[in-house]
């Protein structure tokens, strides 16, 4: 067996555990999602306010990899919705750096890796992060299938975005992932999108 296969096998097993890192609580997770959801609305000034919240959280707890991953994703969204090219590029670079650091610090945390996988999937291909997104999804899919401590919504998000990333990159199994996503909860947001 080659090293890459063993590495993926170890990572897959570890991700199936799906636990929050010691630095983040379930309450933190809810707070981070709420802040991040505000960023998805696309208002740059509001995104800047959410970035400030993530930065304050990291200042009080620098080892919080989940906050760092969400901050990185918020920066990537700031780049997406920004207007001025150099500022957009600066935020994109910062977002990538933060997400890489978060995954490096917590490589077996499924939530940290999920944030990066989805964010990198949404970044245009020309920035060269799609392979990392696909590799993250390949490690996350077994955890999404197994459940572990991931919520049903997290599992569906992984399956939904993995299916689309796999389809676009011609990786086998995208239709199976959409079917699994629907089966988990056909009436949820991702269940409806997977039709």
N, C-alpha and C. Protein backbone atom coordinates (compact mmCIF):
# COMPACT_ATOMS: atom_id res chain seq x y z
N UNK A 1 0.84 -1.19 0.00
CA UNK A 1 0.00 0.00 0.00
C UNK A 1 0.88 1.25 0.00
N UNK A 2 0.39 2.25 -0.67
CA UNK A 2 1.20 3.46 -0.69
C UNK A 2 0.83 4.38 0.48
N UNK A 3 1.68 5.35 0.72
CA UNK A 3 1.49 6.25 1.86
C UNK A 3 0.20 7.05 1.76
N UNK A 4 -0.11 7.49 0.55
CA UNK A 4 -1.32 8.31 0.37
C UNK A 4 -2.56 7.52 0.77
N UNK A 5 -2.63 6.25 0.35
CA UNK A 5 -3.77 5.42 0.70
C UNK A 5 -3.87 5.25 2.21
N UNK A 6 -2.74 4.98 2.85
CA UNK A 6 -2.75 4.82 4.31
C UNK A 6 -3.15 6.12 5.00
N UNK A 7 -2.68 7.23 4.46
CA UNK A 7 -3.06 8.52 5.03
C UNK A 7 -4.55 8.78 4.91
N UNK A 8 -5.12 8.48 3.75
CA UNK A 8 -6.56 8.66 3.55
C UNK A 8 -7.34 7.71 4.44
N UNK A 9 -6.86 6.48 4.57
CA UNK A 9 -7.53 5.50 5.43
C UNK A 9 -7.55 5.98 6.88
N UNK A 10 -6.42 6.47 7.38
CA UNK A 10 -6.34 6.98 8.74
C UNK A 10 -7.27 8.17 8.91
N UNK A 11 -7.22 9.10 7.96
CA UNK A 11 -8.04 10.30 8.03
C UNK A 11 -9.52 9.95 7.99
N UNK A 12 -9.90 9.02 7.13
CA UNK A 12 -11.29 8.59 7.04
C UNK A 12 -11.77 8.01 8.36
N UNK A 13 -10.96 7.15 8.95
CA UNK A 13 -11.32 6.55 10.24
C UNK A 13 -11.46 7.64 11.30
N UNK A 14 -10.52 8.56 11.32
CA UNK A 14 -10.55 9.61 12.32
C UNK A 14 -11.74 10.54 12.13
N UNK A 15 -12.06 10.86 10.87
CA UNK A 15 -13.18 11.75 10.60
C UNK A 15 -14.51 11.11 10.96
N UNK A 16 -14.58 9.81 10.89
CA UNK A 16 -15.82 9.12 11.24
C UNK A 16 -16.19 9.38 12.69
N UNK A 17 -15.19 9.71 13.50
CA UNK A 17 -15.46 10.02 14.89
C UNK A 17 -16.20 11.35 15.00
N UNK A 18 -15.86 12.32 14.14
CA UNK A 18 -16.62 13.55 13.98
C UNK A 18 -16.79 14.41 15.21
N UNK A 19 -15.91 14.39 16.16
CA UNK A 19 -16.11 15.14 17.38
C UNK A 19 -15.62 16.58 17.23
N UNK A 20 -16.18 17.44 18.08
CA UNK A 20 -15.71 18.81 18.12
C UNK A 20 -14.35 18.85 18.77
N UNK A 21 -13.46 19.74 18.35
CA UNK A 21 -12.18 19.84 19.02
C UNK A 21 -12.38 20.36 20.43
N UNK A 22 -11.41 20.14 21.27
CA UNK A 22 -11.51 20.57 22.66
C UNK A 22 -11.70 22.08 22.76
N UNK A 23 -11.26 22.82 21.77
CA UNK A 23 -11.31 24.27 21.82
C UNK A 23 -12.68 24.86 21.49
N UNK A 24 -13.58 24.10 20.88
CA UNK A 24 -14.90 24.61 20.49
C UNK A 24 -15.98 23.78 21.14
N UNK A 25 -17.06 24.44 21.53
CA UNK A 25 -18.19 23.75 22.14
C UNK A 25 -19.35 23.70 21.15
N UNK A 26 -20.37 22.94 21.49
CA UNK A 26 -21.56 22.90 20.64
C UNK A 26 -22.20 24.28 20.56
N UNK A 27 -22.14 25.03 21.64
CA UNK A 27 -22.66 26.40 21.64
C UNK A 27 -21.86 27.27 20.67
N UNK A 28 -20.53 27.10 20.69
CA UNK A 28 -19.68 27.84 19.75
C UNK A 28 -20.07 27.52 18.31
N UNK A 29 -20.28 26.24 18.04
CA UNK A 29 -20.64 25.82 16.68
C UNK A 29 -21.88 26.56 16.20
N UNK A 30 -22.91 26.63 17.02
CA UNK A 30 -24.13 27.35 16.65
C UNK A 30 -23.87 28.82 16.40
N UNK A 31 -23.05 29.41 17.24
CA UNK A 31 -22.71 30.83 17.09
C UNK A 31 -21.94 31.06 15.79
N UNK A 32 -20.97 30.20 15.51
CA UNK A 32 -20.17 30.36 14.29
C UNK A 32 -21.02 30.21 13.04
N UNK A 33 -21.93 29.26 13.08
CA UNK A 33 -22.82 29.08 11.92
C UNK A 33 -23.69 30.31 11.70
N UNK A 34 -24.20 30.86 12.79
CA UNK A 34 -25.05 32.05 12.68
C UNK A 34 -24.25 33.21 12.08
N UNK A 35 -23.05 33.41 12.55
CA UNK A 35 -22.22 34.48 12.00
C UNK A 35 -21.92 34.23 10.53
N UNK A 36 -21.61 33.00 10.21
CA UNK A 36 -21.27 32.66 8.82
C UNK A 36 -22.49 32.80 7.91
N UNK A 37 -23.66 32.42 8.40
CA UNK A 37 -24.88 32.55 7.59
C UNK A 37 -25.13 34.00 7.21
N UNK A 38 -24.80 34.93 8.11
CA UNK A 38 -24.93 36.35 7.80
C UNK A 38 -24.02 36.71 6.62
N UNK A 39 -22.83 36.14 6.60
CA UNK A 39 -21.88 36.41 5.50
C UNK A 39 -22.43 35.96 4.15
N UNK A 40 -23.20 34.90 4.16
CA UNK A 40 -23.74 34.36 2.91
C UNK A 40 -24.72 35.32 2.23
N UNK A 41 -25.21 36.31 2.98
CA UNK A 41 -26.16 37.27 2.40
C UNK A 41 -25.48 38.23 1.43
N UNK A 42 -24.15 38.39 1.55
CA UNK A 42 -23.40 39.14 0.54
C UNK A 42 -23.17 40.61 0.79
N UNK A 43 -23.61 41.15 1.93
CA UNK A 43 -23.37 42.56 2.22
C UNK A 43 -21.98 42.71 2.83
N UNK A 44 -21.11 43.44 2.14
CA UNK A 44 -19.70 43.54 2.53
C UNK A 44 -19.54 44.12 3.94
N UNK A 45 -20.28 45.17 4.26
CA UNK A 45 -20.15 45.77 5.60
C UNK A 45 -20.56 44.79 6.69
N UNK A 46 -21.60 44.04 6.43
CA UNK A 46 -22.05 43.04 7.40
C UNK A 46 -21.05 41.90 7.51
N UNK A 47 -20.46 41.51 6.39
CA UNK A 47 -19.42 40.47 6.42
C UNK A 47 -18.25 40.95 7.27
N UNK A 48 -17.86 42.22 7.10
CA UNK A 48 -16.76 42.76 7.90
C UNK A 48 -17.06 42.68 9.40
N UNK A 49 -18.31 42.92 9.77
CA UNK A 49 -18.70 42.81 11.19
C UNK A 49 -18.57 41.37 11.68
N UNK A 50 -18.93 40.42 10.84
CA UNK A 50 -18.82 39.00 11.24
C UNK A 50 -17.35 38.58 11.32
N UNK A 51 -16.55 39.09 10.41
CA UNK A 51 -15.11 38.82 10.46
C UNK A 51 -14.54 39.32 11.79
N UNK A 52 -14.97 40.51 12.21
CA UNK A 52 -14.53 41.04 13.51
C UNK A 52 -14.91 40.11 14.65
N UNK A 53 -16.11 39.54 14.60
CA UNK A 53 -16.55 38.61 15.65
C UNK A 53 -15.66 37.37 15.69
N UNK A 54 -15.38 36.82 14.52
CA UNK A 54 -14.49 35.65 14.47
C UNK A 54 -13.10 35.99 14.99
N UNK A 55 -12.60 37.18 14.62
CA UNK A 55 -11.27 37.58 15.08
C UNK A 55 -11.23 37.75 16.59
N UNK A 56 -12.30 38.31 17.17
CA UNK A 56 -12.37 38.44 18.63
C UNK A 56 -12.40 37.06 19.29
N UNK A 57 -13.13 36.14 18.70
CA UNK A 57 -13.19 34.78 19.24
C UNK A 57 -11.80 34.14 19.22
N UNK A 58 -11.09 34.31 18.12
CA UNK A 58 -9.74 33.74 18.02
C UNK A 58 -8.76 34.44 18.94
N UNK A 59 -8.95 35.73 19.18
CA UNK A 59 -8.08 36.44 20.12
C UNK A 59 -8.24 35.87 21.53
N UNK A 60 -9.46 35.49 21.88
CA UNK A 60 -9.69 34.92 23.22
C UNK A 60 -9.36 33.44 23.28
N UNK A 61 -9.36 32.75 22.13
CA UNK A 61 -9.04 31.32 22.10
C UNK A 61 -8.32 30.99 20.79
N UNK A 62 -7.02 31.26 20.73
CA UNK A 62 -6.27 31.09 19.49
C UNK A 62 -6.23 29.66 18.95
N UNK A 63 -6.53 28.66 19.77
CA UNK A 63 -6.47 27.27 19.32
C UNK A 63 -7.80 26.77 18.76
N UNK A 64 -8.76 27.65 18.63
CA UNK A 64 -10.09 27.26 18.15
C UNK A 64 -10.05 27.11 16.62
N UNK A 65 -9.76 25.91 16.17
CA UNK A 65 -9.63 25.64 14.73
C UNK A 65 -10.93 25.84 13.99
N UNK A 66 -12.05 25.55 14.63
CA UNK A 66 -13.33 25.72 13.96
C UNK A 66 -13.61 27.20 13.69
N UNK A 67 -13.33 28.05 14.67
CA UNK A 67 -13.49 29.50 14.46
C UNK A 67 -12.56 29.98 13.36
N UNK A 68 -11.35 29.44 13.33
CA UNK A 68 -10.38 29.84 12.30
C UNK A 68 -10.86 29.41 10.92
N UNK A 69 -11.42 28.21 10.82
CA UNK A 69 -11.94 27.74 9.53
C UNK A 69 -13.10 28.61 9.06
N UNK A 70 -14.02 28.92 9.97
CA UNK A 70 -15.15 29.77 9.61
C UNK A 70 -14.68 31.18 9.25
N UNK A 71 -13.68 31.70 9.97
CA UNK A 71 -13.13 33.01 9.63
C UNK A 71 -12.54 32.97 8.22
N UNK A 72 -11.84 31.90 7.90
CA UNK A 72 -11.29 31.77 6.56
C UNK A 72 -12.37 31.76 5.49
N UNK A 73 -13.45 31.05 5.77
CA UNK A 73 -14.56 31.01 4.82
C UNK A 73 -15.22 32.39 4.70
N UNK A 74 -15.35 33.09 5.84
CA UNK A 74 -15.92 34.44 5.81
C UNK A 74 -15.04 35.37 4.97
N UNK A 75 -13.74 35.22 5.08
CA UNK A 75 -12.82 36.03 4.26
C UNK A 75 -12.99 35.71 2.77
N UNK A 76 -13.16 34.43 2.46
CA UNK A 76 -13.39 34.03 1.07
C UNK A 76 -14.69 34.64 0.55
N UNK A 77 -15.72 34.68 1.40
CA UNK A 77 -16.98 35.30 0.99
C UNK A 77 -16.82 36.81 0.84
N UNK A 78 -16.00 37.41 1.69
CA UNK A 78 -15.71 38.84 1.57
C UNK A 78 -15.05 39.12 0.23
N UNK A 79 -14.17 38.22 -0.19
CA UNK A 79 -13.54 38.35 -1.50
C UNK A 79 -14.57 38.23 -2.61
N UNK A 80 -15.46 37.27 -2.48
CA UNK A 80 -16.47 37.03 -3.51
C UNK A 80 -17.36 38.25 -3.71
N UNK A 81 -17.79 38.86 -2.61
CA UNK A 81 -18.77 39.95 -2.70
C UNK A 81 -18.13 41.34 -2.76
N UNK A 82 -16.81 41.41 -2.61
CA UNK A 82 -16.12 42.70 -2.68
C UNK A 82 -16.14 43.25 -4.10
N UNK A 83 -15.78 44.52 -4.22
CA UNK A 83 -15.82 45.18 -5.53
C UNK A 83 -14.44 45.46 -6.11
N UNK A 84 -13.44 45.70 -5.27
CA UNK A 84 -12.14 46.13 -5.75
C UNK A 84 -11.20 44.94 -5.82
N UNK A 85 -10.61 44.72 -7.00
CA UNK A 85 -9.78 43.55 -7.27
C UNK A 85 -8.69 43.25 -6.25
N UNK A 86 -7.82 44.22 -5.94
CA UNK A 86 -6.75 43.92 -4.99
C UNK A 86 -7.26 43.52 -3.60
N UNK A 87 -8.34 44.15 -3.16
CA UNK A 87 -8.93 43.80 -1.87
C UNK A 87 -9.52 42.40 -1.92
N UNK A 88 -10.18 42.09 -3.01
CA UNK A 88 -10.76 40.74 -3.17
C UNK A 88 -9.67 39.68 -3.09
N UNK A 89 -8.57 39.91 -3.80
CA UNK A 89 -7.47 38.95 -3.80
C UNK A 89 -6.84 38.82 -2.42
N UNK A 90 -6.71 39.94 -1.73
CA UNK A 90 -6.14 39.92 -0.38
C UNK A 90 -7.00 39.09 0.56
N UNK A 91 -8.32 39.27 0.50
CA UNK A 91 -9.22 38.50 1.36
C UNK A 91 -9.21 37.02 0.98
N UNK A 92 -9.12 36.74 -0.31
CA UNK A 92 -9.08 35.34 -0.74
C UNK A 92 -7.82 34.65 -0.21
N UNK A 93 -6.68 35.32 -0.34
CA UNK A 93 -5.43 34.74 0.16
C UNK A 93 -5.49 34.53 1.67
N UNK A 94 -6.03 35.50 2.36
CA UNK A 94 -6.15 35.38 3.82
C UNK A 94 -7.07 34.22 4.19
N UNK A 95 -8.19 34.12 3.49
CA UNK A 95 -9.13 33.03 3.76
C UNK A 95 -8.50 31.67 3.55
N UNK A 96 -7.79 31.52 2.46
CA UNK A 96 -7.11 30.24 2.17
C UNK A 96 -6.10 29.92 3.27
N UNK A 97 -5.31 30.90 3.65
CA UNK A 97 -4.29 30.70 4.69
C UNK A 97 -4.94 30.25 6.00
N UNK A 98 -6.01 30.91 6.39
CA UNK A 98 -6.69 30.56 7.63
C UNK A 98 -7.27 29.15 7.59
N UNK A 99 -7.90 28.79 6.48
CA UNK A 99 -8.49 27.45 6.38
C UNK A 99 -7.41 26.38 6.36
N UNK A 100 -6.30 26.65 5.69
CA UNK A 100 -5.19 25.69 5.68
C UNK A 100 -4.65 25.50 7.09
N UNK A 101 -4.46 26.60 7.81
CA UNK A 101 -3.97 26.51 9.19
C UNK A 101 -4.94 25.74 10.08
N UNK A 102 -6.23 25.97 9.90
CA UNK A 102 -7.23 25.30 10.72
C UNK A 102 -7.20 23.79 10.50
N UNK A 103 -7.12 23.37 9.24
CA UNK A 103 -7.09 21.93 8.95
C UNK A 103 -5.77 21.33 9.41
N UNK A 104 -4.69 22.06 9.26
CA UNK A 104 -3.39 21.57 9.73
C UNK A 104 -3.40 21.36 11.25
N UNK A 105 -4.04 22.27 11.97
CA UNK A 105 -4.10 22.17 13.43
C UNK A 105 -5.07 21.08 13.90
N UNK A 106 -6.12 20.82 13.12
CA UNK A 106 -7.14 19.83 13.51
C UNK A 106 -7.49 18.95 12.31
N UNK A 107 -6.54 18.14 11.85
CA UNK A 107 -6.75 17.38 10.61
C UNK A 107 -7.84 16.32 10.68
N UNK A 108 -8.22 15.89 11.87
CA UNK A 108 -9.24 14.85 11.98
C UNK A 108 -10.60 15.41 12.39
N UNK A 109 -10.72 16.72 12.48
CA UNK A 109 -12.00 17.33 12.84
C UNK A 109 -12.85 17.47 11.58
N UNK A 110 -13.90 16.70 11.50
CA UNK A 110 -14.74 16.68 10.30
C UNK A 110 -15.37 18.04 10.02
N UNK A 111 -15.73 18.77 11.05
CA UNK A 111 -16.37 20.07 10.83
C UNK A 111 -15.38 21.08 10.25
N UNK A 112 -14.19 21.10 10.76
CA UNK A 112 -13.17 22.02 10.23
C UNK A 112 -12.91 21.70 8.76
N UNK A 113 -12.74 20.44 8.47
CA UNK A 113 -12.48 20.02 7.09
C UNK A 113 -13.70 20.29 6.19
N UNK A 114 -14.90 20.14 6.73
CA UNK A 114 -16.12 20.40 5.96
C UNK A 114 -16.19 21.87 5.54
N UNK A 115 -15.87 22.77 6.48
CA UNK A 115 -15.89 24.20 6.16
C UNK A 115 -14.94 24.48 4.99
N UNK A 116 -13.73 23.92 5.06
CA UNK A 116 -12.77 24.15 3.97
C UNK A 116 -13.25 23.51 2.67
N UNK A 117 -13.75 22.29 2.74
CA UNK A 117 -14.18 21.58 1.53
C UNK A 117 -15.25 22.37 0.78
N UNK A 118 -16.24 22.85 1.51
CA UNK A 118 -17.33 23.59 0.87
C UNK A 118 -16.84 24.94 0.36
N UNK A 119 -16.06 25.64 1.18
CA UNK A 119 -15.55 26.95 0.75
C UNK A 119 -14.68 26.81 -0.49
N UNK A 120 -13.80 25.82 -0.50
CA UNK A 120 -12.92 25.62 -1.66
C UNK A 120 -13.72 25.18 -2.89
N UNK A 121 -14.78 24.44 -2.69
CA UNK A 121 -15.62 24.06 -3.83
C UNK A 121 -16.21 25.32 -4.49
N UNK A 122 -16.56 26.30 -3.68
CA UNK A 122 -17.21 27.51 -4.20
C UNK A 122 -16.22 28.52 -4.79
N UNK A 123 -14.95 28.35 -4.50
CA UNK A 123 -13.94 29.26 -5.07
C UNK A 123 -13.71 28.87 -6.53
N UNK A 124 -13.66 29.85 -7.43
CA UNK A 124 -13.46 29.52 -8.85
C UNK A 124 -12.23 28.63 -9.07
N UNK A 125 -12.35 27.73 -10.03
CA UNK A 125 -11.30 26.75 -10.31
C UNK A 125 -9.94 27.38 -10.59
N UNK A 126 -9.94 28.55 -11.18
CA UNK A 126 -8.67 29.17 -11.58
C UNK A 126 -7.74 29.45 -10.39
N UNK A 127 -8.27 29.38 -9.16
CA UNK A 127 -7.44 29.62 -7.98
C UNK A 127 -6.80 28.35 -7.44
N UNK A 128 -7.07 27.21 -8.09
CA UNK A 128 -6.32 26.00 -7.81
C UNK A 128 -6.58 25.29 -6.49
N UNK A 129 -7.79 25.42 -5.96
CA UNK A 129 -8.08 24.74 -4.69
C UNK A 129 -9.10 23.60 -4.85
N UNK A 130 -9.54 23.36 -6.06
CA UNK A 130 -10.57 22.34 -6.28
C UNK A 130 -10.07 20.94 -5.90
N UNK A 131 -8.81 20.62 -6.20
CA UNK A 131 -8.28 19.30 -5.84
C UNK A 131 -8.31 19.08 -4.33
N UNK A 132 -8.01 20.13 -3.58
CA UNK A 132 -8.07 20.02 -2.12
C UNK A 132 -9.50 19.80 -1.66
N UNK A 133 -10.44 20.50 -2.28
CA UNK A 133 -11.85 20.32 -1.95
C UNK A 133 -12.28 18.88 -2.20
N UNK A 134 -11.94 18.34 -3.36
CA UNK A 134 -12.31 16.96 -3.69
C UNK A 134 -11.68 15.98 -2.71
N UNK A 135 -10.40 16.18 -2.38
CA UNK A 135 -9.74 15.29 -1.42
C UNK A 135 -10.41 15.37 -0.05
N UNK A 136 -10.78 16.58 0.37
CA UNK A 136 -11.50 16.73 1.64
C UNK A 136 -12.82 15.96 1.59
N UNK A 137 -13.56 16.12 0.50
CA UNK A 137 -14.83 15.41 0.39
C UNK A 137 -14.63 13.90 0.37
N UNK A 138 -13.58 13.43 -0.28
CA UNK A 138 -13.32 11.99 -0.29
C UNK A 138 -13.08 11.47 1.13
N UNK A 139 -12.46 12.27 1.97
CA UNK A 139 -12.26 11.88 3.36
C UNK A 139 -13.53 12.05 4.19
N UNK A 140 -14.37 13.02 3.84
CA UNK A 140 -15.57 13.32 4.62
C UNK A 140 -16.76 12.41 4.31
N UNK A 141 -16.87 11.93 3.09
CA UNK A 141 -18.03 11.14 2.69
C UNK A 141 -18.25 9.93 3.60
N UNK A 142 -17.22 9.15 3.94
CA UNK A 142 -17.46 8.02 4.85
C UNK A 142 -18.01 8.47 6.21
N UNK A 143 -17.54 9.61 6.70
CA UNK A 143 -18.06 10.14 7.97
C UNK A 143 -19.52 10.56 7.81
N UNK A 144 -19.85 11.16 6.66
CA UNK A 144 -21.24 11.57 6.41
C UNK A 144 -22.15 10.36 6.30
N UNK A 145 -21.65 9.29 5.71
CA UNK A 145 -22.46 8.07 5.61
C UNK A 145 -22.65 7.41 6.97
N UNK A 146 -21.60 7.42 7.79
CA UNK A 146 -21.64 6.75 9.09
C UNK A 146 -22.41 7.54 10.13
N UNK A 147 -22.39 8.84 10.01
CA UNK A 147 -23.10 9.67 10.98
C UNK A 147 -22.18 10.19 12.06
N UNK A 148 -21.77 9.32 12.97
CA UNK A 148 -20.93 9.77 14.07
C UNK A 148 -21.60 10.90 14.82
N UNK A 149 -20.83 11.93 15.11
CA UNK A 149 -21.38 13.07 15.84
C UNK A 149 -21.78 14.22 14.92
N UNK A 150 -21.69 14.00 13.63
CA UNK A 150 -22.15 15.01 12.69
C UNK A 150 -23.68 15.07 12.72
N UNK A 151 -24.22 16.27 12.61
CA UNK A 151 -25.67 16.41 12.56
C UNK A 151 -26.18 15.94 11.20
N UNK A 152 -27.46 15.71 11.12
CA UNK A 152 -28.06 15.31 9.85
C UNK A 152 -27.83 16.40 8.79
N UNK A 153 -27.96 17.65 9.18
CA UNK A 153 -27.73 18.75 8.26
C UNK A 153 -26.29 18.80 7.76
N UNK A 154 -25.34 18.54 8.66
CA UNK A 154 -23.94 18.51 8.24
C UNK A 154 -23.69 17.36 7.28
N UNK A 155 -24.26 16.22 7.60
CA UNK A 155 -24.10 15.06 6.72
C UNK A 155 -24.67 15.36 5.34
N UNK A 156 -25.85 15.96 5.30
CA UNK A 156 -26.45 16.29 4.01
C UNK A 156 -25.63 17.32 3.25
N UNK A 157 -25.10 18.32 3.95
CA UNK A 157 -24.27 19.33 3.28
C UNK A 157 -23.05 18.67 2.65
N UNK A 158 -22.41 17.78 3.39
CA UNK A 158 -21.23 17.09 2.85
C UNK A 158 -21.62 16.29 1.62
N UNK A 159 -22.68 15.51 1.72
CA UNK A 159 -23.10 14.66 0.59
C UNK A 159 -23.49 15.50 -0.63
N UNK A 160 -24.22 16.59 -0.39
CA UNK A 160 -24.69 17.45 -1.48
C UNK A 160 -23.51 18.10 -2.21
N UNK A 161 -22.64 18.76 -1.46
CA UNK A 161 -21.52 19.45 -2.11
C UNK A 161 -20.50 18.47 -2.68
N UNK A 162 -20.29 17.34 -2.01
CA UNK A 162 -19.38 16.32 -2.55
C UNK A 162 -19.91 15.82 -3.88
N UNK A 163 -21.22 15.59 -3.97
CA UNK A 163 -21.81 15.11 -5.22
C UNK A 163 -21.53 16.08 -6.36
N UNK A 164 -21.70 17.36 -6.09
CA UNK A 164 -21.47 18.36 -7.14
C UNK A 164 -19.99 18.49 -7.49
N UNK A 165 -19.14 18.46 -6.48
CA UNK A 165 -17.70 18.52 -6.75
C UNK A 165 -17.25 17.30 -7.54
N UNK A 166 -17.74 16.12 -7.14
CA UNK A 166 -17.37 14.89 -7.84
C UNK A 166 -17.86 14.91 -9.29
N UNK A 167 -19.08 15.38 -9.50
CA UNK A 167 -19.62 15.43 -10.86
C UNK A 167 -18.78 16.35 -11.73
N UNK A 168 -18.47 17.54 -11.21
CA UNK A 168 -17.70 18.51 -12.00
C UNK A 168 -16.28 18.03 -12.28
N UNK A 169 -15.72 17.27 -11.35
CA UNK A 169 -14.34 16.80 -11.51
C UNK A 169 -14.27 15.37 -12.04
N UNK A 170 -15.42 14.84 -12.43
CA UNK A 170 -15.52 13.49 -13.02
C UNK A 170 -15.00 12.40 -12.08
N UNK A 171 -15.39 12.52 -10.81
CA UNK A 171 -15.10 11.49 -9.80
C UNK A 171 -16.37 10.65 -9.66
N UNK A 172 -16.22 9.35 -9.66
CA UNK A 172 -17.37 8.45 -9.61
C UNK A 172 -18.14 8.61 -8.30
N UNK A 173 -19.45 8.36 -8.38
CA UNK A 173 -20.29 8.28 -7.19
C UNK A 173 -21.17 9.47 -6.89
N UNK A 174 -21.22 10.46 -7.77
CA UNK A 174 -21.99 11.66 -7.45
C UNK A 174 -23.49 11.38 -7.31
N UNK A 175 -24.04 10.55 -8.16
CA UNK A 175 -25.48 10.27 -8.08
C UNK A 175 -25.83 9.51 -6.80
N UNK A 176 -24.97 8.60 -6.39
CA UNK A 176 -25.19 7.87 -5.14
C UNK A 176 -25.22 8.84 -3.96
N UNK A 177 -24.34 9.83 -3.98
CA UNK A 177 -24.29 10.79 -2.88
C UNK A 177 -25.56 11.65 -2.83
N UNK A 178 -26.06 12.05 -3.99
CA UNK A 178 -27.32 12.81 -4.01
C UNK A 178 -28.48 11.96 -3.50
N UNK A 179 -28.49 10.69 -3.86
CA UNK A 179 -29.54 9.78 -3.37
C UNK A 179 -29.47 9.66 -1.86
N UNK A 180 -28.27 9.49 -1.32
CA UNK A 180 -28.11 9.39 0.14
C UNK A 180 -28.53 10.69 0.82
N UNK A 181 -28.20 11.81 0.21
CA UNK A 181 -28.59 13.11 0.75
C UNK A 181 -30.10 13.21 0.86
N UNK A 182 -30.80 12.82 -0.20
CA UNK A 182 -32.27 12.86 -0.19
C UNK A 182 -32.84 11.92 0.86
N UNK A 183 -32.27 10.72 0.96
CA UNK A 183 -32.80 9.73 1.89
C UNK A 183 -32.67 10.16 3.35
N UNK A 184 -31.63 10.92 3.67
CA UNK A 184 -31.46 11.36 5.06
C UNK A 184 -32.64 12.21 5.52
N UNK A 185 -33.08 13.11 4.66
CA UNK A 185 -34.24 13.95 4.98
C UNK A 185 -34.71 14.63 3.70
N UNK A 186 -35.69 14.04 3.01
CA UNK A 186 -36.13 14.59 1.73
C UNK A 186 -36.78 15.97 1.84
N UNK A 187 -37.22 16.35 3.05
CA UNK A 187 -37.90 17.63 3.22
C UNK A 187 -37.00 18.76 3.69
N UNK A 188 -35.73 18.45 3.94
CA UNK A 188 -34.80 19.49 4.37
C UNK A 188 -34.35 20.31 3.17
N UNK A 189 -33.63 21.39 3.46
CA UNK A 189 -33.11 22.24 2.38
C UNK A 189 -32.25 21.43 1.41
N UNK A 190 -31.29 20.67 1.93
CA UNK A 190 -30.42 19.89 1.06
C UNK A 190 -31.16 18.71 0.43
N UNK A 191 -32.11 18.14 1.15
CA UNK A 191 -32.90 17.06 0.58
C UNK A 191 -33.67 17.51 -0.64
N UNK A 192 -34.22 18.72 -0.57
CA UNK A 192 -34.96 19.28 -1.71
C UNK A 192 -34.02 19.67 -2.85
N UNK A 193 -32.86 20.21 -2.51
CA UNK A 193 -31.90 20.61 -3.54
C UNK A 193 -31.33 19.40 -4.27
N UNK A 194 -31.28 18.26 -3.60
CA UNK A 194 -30.67 17.05 -4.18
C UNK A 194 -31.56 16.37 -5.20
N UNK A 195 -32.76 16.89 -5.44
CA UNK A 195 -33.66 16.28 -6.44
C UNK A 195 -33.30 16.69 -7.84
